[in-house]
C-alpha atoms as a PDB file:
ATOM      1  CA  MET A   1      61.853-165.100 -51.770  1.00  0.00           C
ATOM      2  CA  GLN A   2      60.582-168.457 -50.476  1.00  0.00           C
ATOM      3  CA  VAL A   3      60.297-171.765 -52.371  1.00  0.00           C
ATOM      4  CA  GLY A   4      58.810-175.177 -51.395  1.00  0.00           C
ATOM      5  CA  ILE A   5      59.955-178.193 -53.232  1.00  0.00           C
ATOM      6  CA  VAL A   6      57.825-181.412 -53.378  1.00  0.00           C
ATOM      7  CA  THR A   7      59.660-184.663 -54.758  1.00  0.00           C
ATOM      8  CA  ILE A   8      57.116-186.965 -56.050  1.00  0.00           C
ATOM      9  CA  SER A   9      58.322-190.712 -56.121  1.00  0.00           C
ATOM     10  CA  ASP A  10      57.332-193.838 -54.683  1.00  0.00           C
ATOM     11  CA  SER A  11      60.690-195.564 -54.546  1.00  0.00           C
ATOM     12  CA  ARG A  12      62.293-192.529 -53.081  1.00  0.00           C
ATOM     13  CA  SER A  13      59.651-191.928 -50.365  1.00  0.00           C
ATOM     14  CA  GLN A  14      60.027-195.448 -49.429  1.00  0.00           C
ATOM     15  CA  GLY A  15      63.812-195.172 -48.942  1.00  0.00           C
ATOM     16  CA  ALA A  16      64.411-197.847 -51.810  1.00  0.00           C
ATOM     17  CA  ARG A  17      66.309-195.130 -53.955  1.00  0.00           C
ATOM     18  CA  GLU A  18      68.350-192.057 -52.940  1.00  0.00           C
ATOM     19  CA  ASP A  19      66.700-188.812 -53.444  1.00  0.00           C
ATOM     20  CA  THR A  20      69.387-186.552 -55.488  1.00  0.00           C
ATOM     21  CA  THR A  21      66.724-184.045 -57.189  1.00  0.00           C
ATOM     22  CA  THR A  22      65.669-182.018 -53.998  1.00  0.00           C
ATOM     23  CA  PRO A  23      69.334-181.201 -52.910  1.00  0.00           C
ATOM     24  CA  LEU A  24      69.819-180.394 -56.738  1.00  0.00           C
ATOM     25  CA  ILE A  25      66.868-178.062 -56.619  1.00  0.00           C
ATOM     26  CA  ARG A  26      67.694-176.763 -53.227  1.00  0.00           C
ATOM     27  CA  ARG A  27      71.253-175.827 -54.255  1.00  0.00           C
ATOM     28  CA  ILE A  28      70.506-174.228 -57.559  1.00  0.00           C
ATOM     29  CA  MET A  29      67.516-172.157 -56.057  1.00  0.00           C
ATOM     30  CA  GLU A  30      69.710-170.861 -53.041  1.00  0.00           C
ATOM     31  CA  VAL A  31      72.411-170.012 -55.568  1.00  0.00           C
ATOM     32  CA  ALA A  32      69.892-168.102 -57.342  1.00  0.00           C
ATOM     33  CA  GLY A  33      68.639-166.145 -54.129  1.00  0.00           C
ATOM     34  CA  PHE A  34      65.812-168.148 -53.108  1.00  0.00           C
ATOM     35  CA  GLU A  35      65.268-169.780 -49.390  1.00  0.00           C
ATOM     36  CA  VAL A  36      63.991-173.197 -49.481  1.00  0.00           C
ATOM     37  CA  SER A  37      61.177-173.281 -46.765  1.00  0.00           C
ATOM     38  CA  LEU A  38      60.090-176.698 -46.938  1.00  0.00           C
ATOM     39  CA  ALA A  39      61.035-179.851 -48.893  1.00  0.00           C
ATOM     40  CA  ALA A  40      58.789-182.633 -48.980  1.00  0.00           C
ATOM     41  CA  LEU A  41      59.059-186.183 -50.276  1.00  0.00           C
ATOM     42  CA  VAL A  42      55.769-187.698 -51.125  1.00  0.00           C
ATOM     43  CA  PRO A  43      54.657-191.075 -53.277  1.00  0.00           C
ATOM     44  CA  ASP A  44      52.957-190.957 -56.602  1.00  0.00           C
ATOM     45  CA  GLU A  45      49.563-190.416 -54.973  1.00  0.00           C
ATOM     46  CA  VAL A  46      47.097-187.685 -56.323  1.00  0.00           C
ATOM     47  CA  GLU A  47      45.592-186.917 -52.791  1.00  0.00           C
ATOM     48  CA  ARG A  48      49.186-186.800 -51.206  1.00  0.00           C
ATOM     49  CA  ILE A  49      50.552-184.522 -53.676  1.00  0.00           C
ATOM     50  CA  GLN A  50      47.296-182.165 -53.874  1.00  0.00           C
ATOM     51  CA  SER A  51      47.572-182.044 -50.040  1.00  0.00           C
ATOM     52  CA  GLN A  52      51.189-180.857 -49.946  1.00  0.00           C
ATOM     53  CA  LEU A  53      50.710-178.614 -52.721  1.00  0.00           C
ATOM     54  CA  VAL A  54      47.761-177.002 -50.712  1.00  0.00           C
ATOM     55  CA  THR A  55      49.536-176.852 -47.451  1.00  0.00           C
ATOM     56  CA  MET A  56      52.431-175.098 -49.179  1.00  0.00           C
ATOM     57  CA  ALA A  57      50.157-172.559 -50.858  1.00  0.00           C
ATOM     58  CA  ASP A  58      47.451-171.854 -48.539  1.00  0.00           C
ATOM     59  CA  GLN A  59      49.086-172.432 -45.119  1.00  0.00           C
ATOM     60  CA  LEU A  60      52.672-171.442 -45.729  1.00  0.00           C
ATOM     61  CA  ARG A  61      51.737-168.906 -48.368  1.00  0.00           C
ATOM     62  CA  LEU A  62      54.778-169.897 -50.396  1.00  0.00           C
ATOM     63  CA  PRO A  63      55.219-167.803 -53.490  1.00  0.00           C
ATOM     64  CA  LEU A  64      56.764-170.640 -55.492  1.00  0.00           C
ATOM     65  CA  ILE A  65      56.312-174.458 -55.115  1.00  0.00           C
ATOM     66  CA  LEU A  66      58.451-176.744 -57.535  1.00  0.00           C
ATOM     67  CA  THR A  67      57.564-180.261 -58.138  1.00  0.00           C
ATOM     68  CA  THR A  68      60.017-182.942 -59.045  1.00  0.00           C
ATOM     69  CA  GLY A  69      59.030-186.286 -60.769  1.00  0.00           C
ATOM     70  CA  GLY A  70      55.826-187.974 -61.819  1.00  0.00           C
ATOM     71  CA  THR A  71      55.667-186.129 -65.057  1.00  0.00           C
ATOM     72  CA  GLY A  72      56.277-189.069 -67.360  1.00  0.00           C
ATOM     73  CA  PHE A  73      53.780-191.692 -69.093  1.00  0.00           C
ATOM     74  CA  GLY A  74      54.248-194.141 -66.410  1.00  0.00           C
ATOM     75  CA  PRO A  75      50.899-195.644 -64.854  1.00  0.00           C
ATOM     76  CA  ARG A  76      51.924-193.833 -61.535  1.00  0.00           C
ATOM     77  CA  ASP A  77      52.972-190.600 -63.038  1.00  0.00           C
ATOM     78  CA  VAL A  78      50.098-188.464 -61.686  1.00  0.00           C
ATOM     79  CA  THR A  79      51.726-185.103 -60.708  1.00  0.00           C
ATOM     80  CA  PRO A  80      50.236-182.952 -63.674  1.00  0.00           C
ATOM     81  CA  GLU A  81      46.976-184.262 -62.880  1.00  0.00           C
ATOM     82  CA  ALA A  82      47.309-183.581 -59.150  1.00  0.00           C
ATOM     83  CA  THR A  83      48.657-180.097 -59.959  1.00  0.00           C
ATOM     84  CA  ARG A  84      45.678-179.131 -62.194  1.00  0.00           C
ATOM     85  CA  ARG A  85      43.297-180.119 -59.417  1.00  0.00           C
ATOM     86  CA  VAL A  86      44.589-177.499 -57.180  1.00  0.00           C
ATOM     87  CA  ILE A  87      45.617-174.665 -59.454  1.00  0.00           C
ATOM     88  CA  ASP A  88      43.155-171.701 -60.279  1.00  0.00           C
ATOM     89  CA  ARG A  89      44.955-170.818 -63.831  1.00  0.00           C
ATOM     90  CA  GLU A  90      47.395-172.670 -66.128  1.00  0.00           C
ATOM     91  CA  VAL A  91      50.389-171.086 -67.001  1.00  0.00           C
ATOM     92  CA  PRO A  92      51.349-173.012 -70.036  1.00  0.00           C
ATOM     93  CA  GLY A  93      54.148-170.938 -71.367  1.00  0.00           C
ATOM     94  CA  LEU A  94      56.575-171.943 -68.447  1.00  0.00           C
ATOM     95  CA  PRO A  95      56.490-175.796 -69.123  1.00  0.00           C
ATOM     96  CA  GLU A  96      56.569-175.078 -72.934  1.00  0.00           C
ATOM     97  CA  ALA A  97      59.788-172.843 -72.469  1.00  0.00           C
ATOM     98  CA  MET A  98      61.302-175.746 -70.207  1.00  0.00           C
ATOM     99  CA  ARG A  99      60.599-178.379 -72.890  1.00  0.00           C
ATOM    100  CA  ALA A 100      61.947-176.195 -75.832  1.00  0.00           C
ATOM    101  CA  ALA A 101      65.148-175.425 -74.020  1.00  0.00           C
ATOM    102  CA  THR A 102      65.651-178.890 -72.880  1.00  0.00           C
ATOM    103  CA  ALA A 103      64.673-180.475 -76.066  1.00  0.00           C
ATOM    104  CA  LYS A 104      67.712-179.214 -77.562  1.00  0.00           C
ATOM    105  CA  GLN A 105      69.833-181.386 -75.445  1.00  0.00           C
ATOM    106  CA  SER A 106      67.363-184.365 -75.400  1.00  0.00           C
ATOM    107  CA  PRO A 107      64.296-185.141 -77.898  1.00  0.00           C
ATOM    108  CA  PHE A 108      62.857-186.877 -74.787  1.00  0.00           C
ATOM    109  CA  ALA A 109      62.053-183.590 -73.227  1.00  0.00           C
ATOM    110  CA  TRP A 110      59.097-183.639 -75.573  1.00  0.00           C
ATOM    111  CA  LEU A 111      57.604-186.429 -73.676  1.00  0.00           C
ATOM    112  CA  SER A 112      57.473-184.583 -70.275  1.00  0.00           C
ATOM    113  CA  ARG A 113      53.726-183.876 -69.328  1.00  0.00           C
ATOM    114  CA  GLY A 114      54.699-181.282 -66.743  1.00  0.00           C
ATOM    115  CA  THR A 115      52.443-178.398 -66.018  1.00  0.00           C
ATOM    116  CA  ALA A 116      52.390-174.824 -64.135  1.00  0.00           C
ATOM    117  CA  GLY A 117      49.910-172.826 -62.652  1.00  0.00           C
ATOM    118  CA  LEU A 118      48.677-170.470 -60.171  1.00  0.00           C
ATOM    119  CA  ARG A 119      46.980-171.245 -56.950  1.00  0.00           C
ATOM    120  CA  GLY A 120      46.161-167.779 -55.630  1.00  0.00           C
ATOM    121  CA  ARG A 121      49.408-165.908 -55.730  1.00  0.00           C
ATOM    122  CA  THR A 122      51.559-169.118 -55.597  1.00  0.00           C
ATOM    123  CA  LEU A 123      53.167-170.214 -58.708  1.00  0.00           C
ATOM    124  CA  ILE A 124      53.481-174.014 -58.937  1.00  0.00           C
ATOM    125  CA  VAL A 125      55.809-175.438 -61.760  1.00  0.00           C
ATOM    126  CA  ASN A 126      56.401-179.381 -62.224  1.00  0.00           C
ATOM    127  CA  LEU A 127      59.721-180.374 -63.204  1.00  0.00           C
ATOM    128  CA  PRO A 128      60.902-183.825 -64.602  1.00  0.00           C
ATOM    129  CA  GLY A 129      62.499-186.265 -61.978  1.00  0.00           C
ATOM    130  CA  SER A 130      65.780-186.642 -63.807  1.00  0.00           C
ATOM    131  CA  PRO A 131      68.466-184.390 -62.117  1.00  0.00           C
ATOM    132  CA  ARG A 132      69.914-183.510 -65.669  1.00  0.00           C
ATOM    133  CA  ALA A 133      66.648-182.428 -66.794  1.00  0.00           C
ATOM    134  CA  VAL A 134      65.902-180.631 -63.604  1.00  0.00           C
ATOM    135  CA  GLU A 135      69.022-178.679 -64.265  1.00  0.00           C
ATOM    136  CA  GLU A 136      68.247-177.896 -67.732  1.00  0.00           C
ATOM    137  CA  CYS A 137      64.568-176.927 -66.939  1.00  0.00           C
ATOM    138  CA  LEU A 138      65.804-174.490 -64.193  1.00  0.00           C
ATOM    139  CA  GLY A 139      68.185-172.900 -66.515  1.00  0.00           C
ATOM    140  CA  ALA A 140      65.191-172.001 -68.696  1.00  0.00           C
ATOM    141  CA  LEU A 141      62.715-171.092 -65.929  1.00  0.00           C
ATOM    142  CA  LEU A 142      64.774-168.717 -63.464  1.00  0.00           C
ATOM    143  CA  PRO A 143      65.181-165.941 -65.948  1.00  0.00           C
ATOM    144  CA  LEU A 144      61.626-165.930 -66.391  1.00  0.00           C
ATOM    145  CA  LEU A 145      60.642-165.682 -62.699  1.00  0.00           C
ATOM    146  CA  PRO A 146      61.281-162.022 -61.973  1.00  0.00           C
ATOM    147  CA  HIS A 147      58.847-160.984 -64.337  1.00  0.00           C
ATOM    148  CA  ALA A 148      56.296-163.653 -63.375  1.00  0.00           C
ATOM    149  CA  PHE A 149      56.339-162.303 -59.744  1.00  0.00           C
ATOM    150  CA  GLU A 150      56.035-158.674 -60.768  1.00  0.00           C
ATOM    151  CA  MET A 151      53.003-159.792 -63.075  1.00  0.00           C
ATOM    152  CA  ILE A 152      51.652-161.838 -59.917  1.00  0.00           C
ATOM    153  CA  ASP A 153      52.124-158.974 -57.533  1.00  0.00           C
ATOM    154  CA  GLY A 154      50.179-156.564 -59.820  1.00  0.00           C
ATOM    155  CA  ARG A 155      52.984-154.398 -60.172  1.00  0.00           C
ATOM    156  CA  HIS A 156      53.306-152.278 -63.353  1.00  0.00           C
ATOM    157  CA  HIS A 157      55.179-154.106 -66.285  1.00  0.00           C
ATOM    158  CA  ASP A 158      56.038-152.982 -69.739  1.00  0.00           C
END
């Protein structure tokens, strides 16, 4: 299964800070059997984030898009807002599950505003920007994905 990664960060997109989350997500997803089709790095700008999500979902038809970064309380943290503008249906259980799992390690997990939803048959999930939080969130998310994709595909499920 193919996946797209969108890393959202002003400093990383300008080269002022090293991007460590994209390679981490790539490694975890490839070990889990996914193929990373495209990884993009964009600044914390709603229109740029939206554009990248729409391209990956509508033109590339990727079944899964993972974003990382821009889910906090900062004035430029706009990933959830950009995501909500492009999805057709929210999937609140996924971010709830990720927050619940990661809050066992750090109470700051409850401060993540990440969201998830469907654009057509593409599942978009916001991950935090911290490598540690990314790893913990993917640990909670990955076991849920096979059944999620069965449901998206309209296959029978019990």
